[in-house]
Structures are given as C-alpha cells and as structure tokens.
Amino acid sequence: MKVGIMQISSKGRYALRFLLDLCQHQGDGCVPLKAIAERQDISKKYLEHVIALLTPTGMLKVTRGYQGGYRLNKKPADITVADVLRITEGTLAPVPCLDDSTTPCARQEDCMTRGVWEGLEHVITDYLEGITLQDILDTYGPGIEYFI
C-alpha cells in the first residue's frame, strides 16, 4: 500500500532557494536570473514562474536591461519561510477542510478529527513563521552579510 505524505511543491522549495541565493549574491548589485538558475540547478523558465508569484508581493526589486536582475526588497530577517510558502503553495493547511479558499466541508460541525488537523496546522504555522531567511543564512551560510 502506497502512503501519501504532505509535501511542499517544487515551487515552494525553489522559491526559498531562489531567495536565499539572492541574499548570498546581491552584494555586487542585481543578480541575473541566469546565474541563479545555474547555481541552483533549476530551469530558468521554471524560476520565471516562481518569480511571477513573488514579484507582486513587493519582496523583490526587478531591474530590466543589460545590468538587470533581481534584488530583495526586504531584509532577510523580515521574510519567513511561512511567507514564502503561503505565496507559492497558497496555504499551510494540512487538509483541504482548513483551507479558506476551498468549499467548506459539510461535516465540519460534526467532525471528530478537525481538532487534530487544526492542531497540526498551528504547529506547522508556528514553526515556519519562526524561521526567517536570515535564520537560514546564519545557520547554513558561510558568514554572509546582507545590505539593502
């Protein structure tokens, strides 16, 4: 029997890698998408889809042209993993009945397991909101200093 597990999509994982790469390499100015795609071994075309989700949030500064590229428009300490995943995944809810964007479950009032899923959602949310890009850089990055 195959058992499914809750998973974050490649959009969410790649968005996080993209943003961390920006943090690490924007000391020299705007970072070209091609360079990030090569370093992260992610298709440039796929990253364009990820960037299309991130750009309207004001998280990125985009510069077009010869010296163009991307920069963070916020400090890494102000961007949580939860922020990134909500943008790319739409929700952190572990089951559809907790997702506000879906049709409410008809069994919601009588569901004995709803409390379990709500508890799990709180644990997931609290954990991911407690981790910023800066936390990841401080833990795994080689002495990175960030400047806006």
N, C-alpha and C. Protein backbone atom coordinates (compact mmCIF):
# COMPACT_ATOMS: atom_id res chain seq x y z
N MET A 1 0.84 -1.18 0.00
CA MET A 1 0.00 0.00 0.00
C MET A 1 0.88 1.23 0.00
N LYS A 2 0.61 2.13 -0.91
CA LYS A 2 1.36 3.38 -1.01
C LYS A 2 0.75 4.40 -0.06
N VAL A 3 1.58 5.01 0.77
CA VAL A 3 1.10 6.00 1.72
C VAL A 3 1.56 7.37 1.26
N GLY A 4 0.62 8.31 1.16
CA GLY A 4 0.96 9.67 0.76
C GLY A 4 1.43 10.47 1.96
N ILE A 5 2.27 11.44 1.70
CA ILE A 5 2.71 12.34 2.76
C ILE A 5 2.49 13.77 2.30
N MET A 6 2.32 14.64 3.28
CA MET A 6 2.17 16.05 2.95
C MET A 6 3.51 16.54 2.40
N GLN A 7 3.49 17.20 1.27
CA GLN A 7 4.72 17.67 0.66
C GLN A 7 4.59 19.10 0.21
N ILE A 8 5.72 19.81 0.27
CA ILE A 8 5.81 21.15 -0.29
C ILE A 8 6.19 20.97 -1.76
N SER A 9 5.54 21.70 -2.65
CA SER A 9 5.81 21.56 -4.08
C SER A 9 7.18 22.12 -4.44
N SER A 10 7.60 21.82 -5.66
CA SER A 10 8.88 22.35 -6.14
C SER A 10 8.84 23.88 -6.20
N LYS A 11 7.66 24.46 -6.46
CA LYS A 11 7.56 25.93 -6.48
C LYS A 11 7.98 26.51 -5.13
N GLY A 12 7.49 25.93 -4.06
CA GLY A 12 7.83 26.40 -2.72
C GLY A 12 9.30 26.21 -2.40
N ARG A 13 9.81 25.04 -2.70
CA ARG A 13 11.22 24.74 -2.42
C ARG A 13 12.15 25.62 -3.27
N TYR A 14 11.82 25.78 -4.54
CA TYR A 14 12.67 26.58 -5.43
C TYR A 14 12.59 28.06 -5.09
N ALA A 15 11.43 28.53 -4.67
CA ALA A 15 11.31 29.94 -4.27
C ALA A 15 12.21 30.23 -3.09
N LEU A 16 12.25 29.33 -2.14
CA LEU A 16 13.11 29.51 -0.98
C LEU A 16 14.58 29.50 -1.39
N ARG A 17 14.97 28.57 -2.24
CA ARG A 17 16.35 28.53 -2.74
C ARG A 17 16.70 29.78 -3.53
N PHE A 18 15.77 30.25 -4.36
CA PHE A 18 15.98 31.46 -5.15
C PHE A 18 16.25 32.65 -4.24
N LEU A 19 15.39 32.83 -3.22
CA LEU A 19 15.54 33.96 -2.32
C LEU A 19 16.83 33.88 -1.51
N LEU A 20 17.20 32.71 -1.06
CA LEU A 20 18.45 32.56 -0.32
C LEU A 20 19.66 32.84 -1.20
N ASP A 21 19.59 32.43 -2.45
CA ASP A 21 20.66 32.72 -3.39
C ASP A 21 20.80 34.22 -3.59
N LEU A 22 19.67 34.92 -3.70
CA LEU A 22 19.71 36.38 -3.81
C LEU A 22 20.42 36.99 -2.61
N CYS A 23 20.08 36.52 -1.43
CA CYS A 23 20.72 37.03 -0.21
C CYS A 23 22.23 36.85 -0.26
N GLN A 24 22.66 35.72 -0.73
CA GLN A 24 24.08 35.41 -0.75
C GLN A 24 24.86 36.16 -1.82
N HIS A 25 24.20 36.56 -2.90
CA HIS A 25 24.95 37.08 -4.05
C HIS A 25 24.61 38.50 -4.47
N GLN A 26 23.75 39.19 -3.77
CA GLN A 26 23.38 40.52 -4.25
C GLN A 26 24.30 41.62 -3.74
N GLY A 27 25.37 41.28 -3.07
CA GLY A 27 26.33 42.29 -2.64
C GLY A 27 26.94 43.04 -3.80
N ASP A 28 26.94 42.43 -4.97
CA ASP A 28 27.51 43.05 -6.16
C ASP A 28 26.45 43.77 -6.99
N GLY A 29 25.25 43.92 -6.49
CA GLY A 29 24.17 44.57 -7.23
C GLY A 29 23.10 43.58 -7.59
N CYS A 30 22.40 43.87 -8.68
CA CYS A 30 21.32 42.97 -9.12
C CYS A 30 21.90 41.63 -9.55
N VAL A 31 21.17 40.59 -9.24
CA VAL A 31 21.62 39.23 -9.56
C VAL A 31 20.85 38.73 -10.78
N PRO A 32 21.57 38.38 -11.85
CA PRO A 32 20.88 37.89 -13.05
C PRO A 32 20.22 36.53 -12.80
N LEU A 33 19.06 36.35 -13.38
CA LEU A 33 18.32 35.10 -13.22
C LEU A 33 19.13 33.91 -13.73
N LYS A 34 19.83 34.10 -14.82
CA LYS A 34 20.62 33.00 -15.39
C LYS A 34 21.65 32.49 -14.39
N ALA A 35 22.28 33.39 -13.65
CA ALA A 35 23.30 32.98 -12.68
C ALA A 35 22.67 32.17 -11.54
N ILE A 36 21.51 32.61 -11.08
CA ILE A 36 20.83 31.88 -10.01
C ILE A 36 20.41 30.50 -10.51
N ALA A 37 19.84 30.45 -11.70
CA ALA A 37 19.40 29.18 -12.27
C ALA A 37 20.56 28.20 -12.37
N GLU A 38 21.71 28.69 -12.80
CA GLU A 38 22.89 27.81 -12.91
C GLU A 38 23.38 27.35 -11.55
N ARG A 39 23.50 28.27 -10.60
CA ARG A 39 23.98 27.89 -9.27
C ARG A 39 23.04 26.91 -8.57
N GLN A 40 21.75 27.12 -8.75
CA GLN A 40 20.76 26.29 -8.06
C GLN A 40 20.33 25.06 -8.86
N ASP A 41 20.83 24.95 -10.09
CA ASP A 41 20.48 23.85 -10.97
C ASP A 41 18.95 23.73 -11.12
N ILE A 42 18.34 24.90 -11.41
CA ILE A 42 16.90 24.99 -11.63
C ILE A 42 16.71 25.64 -13.00
N SER A 43 15.77 25.13 -13.76
CA SER A 43 15.49 25.70 -15.07
C SER A 43 15.14 27.19 -14.95
N LYS A 44 15.75 27.99 -15.81
CA LYS A 44 15.47 29.43 -15.82
C LYS A 44 13.99 29.68 -16.08
N LYS A 45 13.40 28.92 -16.97
CA LYS A 45 11.98 29.07 -17.30
C LYS A 45 11.11 28.76 -16.07
N TYR A 46 11.47 27.75 -15.31
CA TYR A 46 10.70 27.42 -14.12
C TYR A 46 10.84 28.53 -13.08
N LEU A 47 12.05 29.05 -12.93
CA LEU A 47 12.26 30.15 -11.98
C LEU A 47 11.45 31.39 -12.37
N GLU A 48 11.26 31.61 -13.65
CA GLU A 48 10.43 32.73 -14.08
C GLU A 48 9.00 32.60 -13.54
N HIS A 49 8.49 31.38 -13.49
CA HIS A 49 7.15 31.14 -12.93
C HIS A 49 7.14 31.43 -11.43
N VAL A 50 8.20 31.04 -10.75
CA VAL A 50 8.31 31.28 -9.32
C VAL A 50 8.39 32.78 -9.05
N ILE A 51 9.19 33.48 -9.83
CA ILE A 51 9.37 34.92 -9.68
C ILE A 51 8.04 35.66 -9.94
N ALA A 52 7.26 35.15 -10.88
CA ALA A 52 5.96 35.76 -11.16
C ALA A 52 5.05 35.72 -9.93
N LEU A 53 5.23 34.75 -9.08
CA LEU A 53 4.45 34.67 -7.84
C LEU A 53 5.00 35.63 -6.78
N LEU A 54 6.33 35.76 -6.73
CA LEU A 54 6.98 36.57 -5.69
C LEU A 54 6.93 38.07 -5.97
N THR A 55 7.03 38.46 -7.23
CA THR A 55 7.15 39.87 -7.58
C THR A 55 5.98 40.75 -7.10
N PRO A 56 4.73 40.34 -7.28
CA PRO A 56 3.62 41.21 -6.84
C PRO A 56 3.58 41.45 -5.32
N THR A 57 4.30 40.67 -4.55
CA THR A 57 4.27 40.81 -3.09
C THR A 57 5.15 41.95 -2.59
N GLY A 58 5.98 42.51 -3.48
CA GLY A 58 6.90 43.56 -3.06
C GLY A 58 8.17 43.01 -2.43
N MET A 59 8.32 41.72 -2.46
CA MET A 59 9.50 41.07 -1.88
C MET A 59 10.75 41.28 -2.73
N LEU A 60 10.54 41.46 -4.05
CA LEU A 60 11.66 41.58 -4.99
C LEU A 60 11.69 42.95 -5.64
N LYS A 61 12.90 43.37 -5.95
CA LYS A 61 13.09 44.55 -6.79
C LYS A 61 13.65 44.03 -8.11
N VAL A 62 12.98 44.39 -9.20
CA VAL A 62 13.36 43.91 -10.52
C VAL A 62 13.96 45.06 -11.31
N THR A 63 15.13 44.84 -11.90
CA THR A 63 15.76 45.83 -12.77
C THR A 63 15.93 45.20 -14.14
N ARG A 64 15.39 45.85 -15.14
CA ARG A 64 15.46 45.34 -16.52
C ARG A 64 16.72 45.87 -17.20
N GLY A 65 17.10 45.22 -18.28
CA GLY A 65 18.20 45.71 -19.10
C GLY A 65 19.51 44.97 -18.89
N TYR A 66 20.56 45.53 -19.48
CA TYR A 66 21.88 44.90 -19.53
C TYR A 66 22.41 44.53 -18.14
N GLN A 67 22.39 45.43 -17.20
CA GLN A 67 22.87 45.15 -15.85
C GLN A 67 21.73 44.75 -14.91
N GLY A 68 20.63 44.31 -15.50
CA GLY A 68 19.44 44.00 -14.72
C GLY A 68 19.52 42.69 -13.97
N GLY A 69 18.50 42.47 -13.21
CA GLY A 69 18.41 41.26 -12.42
C GLY A 69 17.47 41.48 -11.25
N TYR A 70 17.74 40.77 -10.18
CA TYR A 70 16.84 40.78 -9.03
C TYR A 70 17.59 41.10 -7.76
N ARG A 71 16.87 41.74 -6.85
CA ARG A 71 17.36 42.03 -5.50
C ARG A 71 16.20 41.83 -4.55
N LEU A 72 16.53 41.55 -3.32
CA LEU A 72 15.48 41.53 -2.30
C LEU A 72 15.08 42.96 -2.00
N ASN A 73 13.81 43.18 -1.78
CA ASN A 73 13.30 44.49 -1.45
C ASN A 73 12.99 44.58 0.05
N LYS A 74 13.24 43.51 0.75
CA LYS A 74 13.05 43.43 2.20
C LYS A 74 14.30 42.80 2.82
N LYS A 75 14.47 43.02 4.09
CA LYS A 75 15.59 42.38 4.79
C LYS A 75 15.28 40.90 4.97
N PRO A 76 16.29 40.04 4.89
CA PRO A 76 16.07 38.60 5.08
C PRO A 76 15.43 38.28 6.44
N ALA A 77 15.67 39.12 7.42
CA ALA A 77 15.07 38.89 8.75
C ALA A 77 13.58 39.18 8.75
N ASP A 78 13.09 39.83 7.70
CA ASP A 78 11.67 40.17 7.62
C ASP A 78 10.87 39.22 6.72
N ILE A 79 11.52 38.19 6.20
CA ILE A 79 10.85 37.23 5.33
C ILE A 79 10.92 35.87 5.99
N THR A 80 9.76 35.30 6.31
CA THR A 80 9.74 33.98 6.94
C THR A 80 9.52 32.89 5.89
N VAL A 81 9.87 31.69 6.25
CA VAL A 81 9.59 30.55 5.39
C VAL A 81 8.08 30.44 5.17
N ALA A 82 7.30 30.73 6.20
CA ALA A 82 5.84 30.70 6.06
C ALA A 82 5.37 31.70 5.00
N ASP A 83 5.97 32.89 4.97
CA ASP A 83 5.61 33.88 3.94
C ASP A 83 5.81 33.31 2.55
N VAL A 84 6.97 32.73 2.34
CA VAL A 84 7.33 32.19 1.02
C VAL A 84 6.38 31.06 0.63
N LEU A 85 6.11 30.17 1.57
CA LEU A 85 5.25 29.03 1.24
C LEU A 85 3.80 29.44 1.05
N ARG A 86 3.33 30.43 1.75
CA ARG A 86 1.95 30.90 1.52
C ARG A 86 1.83 31.49 0.11
N ILE A 87 2.87 32.19 -0.33
CA ILE A 87 2.86 32.77 -1.68
C ILE A 87 2.86 31.68 -2.73
N THR A 88 3.68 30.67 -2.55
CA THR A 88 3.85 29.65 -3.58
C THR A 88 2.87 28.49 -3.46
N GLU A 89 2.49 28.14 -2.25
CA GLU A 89 1.60 27.00 -2.05
C GLU A 89 0.15 27.42 -1.88
N GLY A 90 -0.06 28.67 -1.48
CA GLY A 90 -1.41 29.17 -1.28
C GLY A 90 -1.90 29.02 0.15
N THR A 91 -1.45 28.01 0.85
CA THR A 91 -1.90 27.76 2.21
C THR A 91 -0.90 26.86 2.93
N LEU A 92 -0.94 26.89 4.23
CA LEU A 92 -0.15 25.95 5.03
C LEU A 92 -1.05 24.88 5.64
N ALA A 93 -2.34 24.92 5.29
CA ALA A 93 -3.30 23.97 5.84
C ALA A 93 -2.94 22.55 5.41
N PRO A 94 -2.88 21.61 6.36
CA PRO A 94 -2.52 20.24 6.02
C PRO A 94 -3.65 19.43 5.39
N VAL A 95 -4.89 19.92 5.52
CA VAL A 95 -6.04 19.23 4.91
C VAL A 95 -6.95 20.28 4.26
N PRO A 96 -7.66 19.89 3.21
CA PRO A 96 -8.48 20.86 2.48
C PRO A 96 -9.55 21.55 3.33
N CYS A 97 -10.09 20.88 4.33
CA CYS A 97 -11.18 21.49 5.09
C CYS A 97 -10.73 22.69 5.92
N LEU A 98 -9.42 22.89 6.11
CA LEU A 98 -8.93 24.05 6.84
C LEU A 98 -8.52 25.18 5.92
N ASP A 99 -8.50 24.92 4.63
CA ASP A 99 -8.10 25.92 3.64
C ASP A 99 -9.29 26.83 3.36
N ASP A 100 -9.13 28.11 3.64
CA ASP A 100 -10.21 29.08 3.45
C ASP A 100 -10.65 29.23 1.99
N SER A 101 -9.78 28.85 1.06
CA SER A 101 -10.11 29.05 -0.35
C SER A 101 -10.95 27.91 -0.93
N THR A 102 -11.17 26.85 -0.17
CA THR A 102 -11.97 25.74 -0.68
C THR A 102 -13.40 25.84 -0.15
N THR A 103 -14.26 25.05 -0.71
CA THR A 103 -15.64 24.99 -0.25
C THR A 103 -15.65 24.37 1.15
N PRO A 104 -16.37 24.98 2.07
CA PRO A 104 -16.40 24.43 3.43
C PRO A 104 -16.89 22.98 3.45
N CYS A 105 -16.32 22.21 4.32
CA CYS A 105 -16.68 20.80 4.46
C CYS A 105 -18.07 20.70 5.09
N ALA A 106 -18.91 19.88 4.52
CA ALA A 106 -20.26 19.69 5.02
C ALA A 106 -20.26 19.04 6.41
N ARG A 107 -19.19 18.33 6.74
CA ARG A 107 -19.11 17.62 8.03
C ARG A 107 -18.39 18.44 9.08
N GLN A 108 -18.05 19.65 8.78
CA GLN A 108 -17.23 20.50 9.64
C GLN A 108 -17.72 20.55 11.08
N GLU A 109 -19.00 20.71 11.29
CA GLU A 109 -19.57 20.85 12.63
C GLU A 109 -19.50 19.55 13.44
N ASP A 110 -19.56 18.42 12.77
CA ASP A 110 -19.59 17.13 13.47
C ASP A 110 -18.29 16.33 13.35
N CYS A 111 -17.26 16.93 12.80
CA CYS A 111 -16.02 16.19 12.53
C CYS A 111 -15.19 16.01 13.80
N MET A 112 -14.97 14.78 14.18
CA MET A 112 -14.19 14.48 15.38
C MET A 112 -12.70 14.72 15.16
N THR A 113 -12.25 14.70 13.91
CA THR A 113 -10.81 14.84 13.65
C THR A 113 -10.38 16.27 13.35
N ARG A 114 -11.32 17.16 13.19
CA ARG A 114 -10.98 18.55 12.83
C ARG A 114 -9.98 19.17 13.81
N GLY A 115 -10.15 18.94 15.08
CA GLY A 115 -9.22 19.48 16.08
C GLY A 115 -7.79 18.99 15.89
N VAL A 116 -7.66 17.76 15.45
CA VAL A 116 -6.32 17.21 15.18
C VAL A 116 -5.66 18.00 14.06
N TRP A 117 -6.40 18.25 12.99
CA TRP A 117 -5.85 18.96 11.83
C TRP A 117 -5.59 20.43 12.16
N GLU A 118 -6.45 21.02 12.97
CA GLU A 118 -6.21 22.41 13.40
C GLU A 118 -4.95 22.49 14.25
N GLY A 119 -4.75 21.52 15.12
CA GLY A 119 -3.53 21.49 15.93
C GLY A 119 -2.29 21.35 15.07
N LEU A 120 -2.36 20.47 14.07
CA LEU A 120 -1.23 20.29 13.16
C LEU A 120 -0.95 21.57 12.39
N GLU A 121 -2.00 22.24 11.93
CA GLU A 121 -1.82 23.49 11.21
C GLU A 121 -1.12 24.53 12.09
N HIS A 122 -1.49 24.61 13.36
CA HIS A 122 -0.86 25.56 14.28
C HIS A 122 0.62 25.24 14.47
N VAL A 123 0.94 23.97 14.61
CA VAL A 123 2.34 23.57 14.77
C VAL A 123 3.15 23.94 13.52
N ILE A 124 2.61 23.61 12.35
CA ILE A 124 3.29 23.92 11.09
C ILE A 124 3.49 25.43 10.96
N THR A 125 2.43 26.19 11.19
CA THR A 125 2.48 27.64 11.04
C THR A 125 3.46 28.26 12.03
N ASP A 126 3.36 27.88 13.27
CA ASP A 126 4.28 28.43 14.29
C ASP A 126 5.73 28.13 13.95
N TYR A 127 5.99 26.92 13.51
CA TYR A 127 7.36 26.52 13.16
C TYR A 127 7.88 27.34 11.98
N LEU A 128 7.11 27.40 10.90
CA LEU A 128 7.58 28.08 9.69
C LEU A 128 7.61 29.59 9.84
N GLU A 129 6.74 30.16 10.66
CA GLU A 129 6.78 31.60 10.92
C GLU A 129 7.96 31.96 11.82
N GLY A 130 8.51 30.99 12.49
CA GLY A 130 9.64 31.22 13.38
C GLY A 130 10.99 31.12 12.68
N ILE A 131 11.00 30.88 11.38
CA ILE A 131 12.26 30.76 10.63
C ILE A 131 12.28 31.82 9.53
N THR A 132 13.26 32.70 9.59
CA THR A 132 13.42 33.73 8.56
C THR A 132 14.54 33.32 7.61
N LEU A 133 14.61 34.03 6.49
CA LEU A 133 15.74 33.79 5.58
C LEU A 133 17.05 34.06 6.31
N GLN A 134 17.06 35.07 7.15
CA GLN A 134 18.28 35.39 7.89
C GLN A 134 18.68 34.25 8.82
N ASP A 135 17.71 33.61 9.45
CA ASP A 135 18.00 32.46 10.31
C ASP A 135 18.68 31.35 9.52
N ILE A 136 18.19 31.09 8.32
CA ILE A 136 18.78 30.04 7.48
C ILE A 136 20.20 30.44 7.09
N LEU A 137 20.38 31.70 6.70
CA LEU A 137 21.71 32.18 6.32
C LEU A 137 22.67 32.08 7.51
N ASP A 138 22.20 32.45 8.69
CA ASP A 138 23.05 32.40 9.88
C ASP A 138 23.43 30.96 10.24
N THR A 139 22.52 30.04 9.99
CA THR A 139 22.76 28.65 10.34
C THR A 139 23.61 27.93 9.31
N TYR A 140 23.33 28.17 8.03
CA TYR A 140 23.97 27.38 6.97
C TYR A 140 24.87 28.18 6.05
N GLY A 141 24.79 29.51 6.08
CA GLY A 141 25.58 30.32 5.16
C GLY A 141 26.96 30.61 5.73
N PRO A 142 27.95 30.74 4.87
CA PRO A 142 29.32 30.99 5.31
C PRO A 142 29.57 32.48 5.60
N GLY A 143 29.15 32.94 6.77
CA GLY A 143 29.44 34.33 7.18
C GLY A 143 28.91 35.38 6.23
N ILE A 144 27.66 35.30 5.89
CA ILE A 144 27.06 36.21 4.91
C ILE A 144 26.60 37.49 5.60
N GLU A 145 26.96 38.61 5.02
CA GLU A 145 26.42 39.88 5.48
C GLU A 145 25.49 40.40 4.41
N TYR A 146 24.37 40.92 4.84
CA TYR A 146 23.35 41.38 3.90
C TYR A 146 23.19 42.88 4.05
N PHE A 147 23.08 43.57 2.93
CA PHE A 147 22.85 45.01 2.92
C PHE A 147 21.73 45.32 1.93
N ILE A 148 20.85 46.24 2.31
CA ILE A 148 19.84 46.75 1.35
C ILE A 148 20.36 48.04 0.80
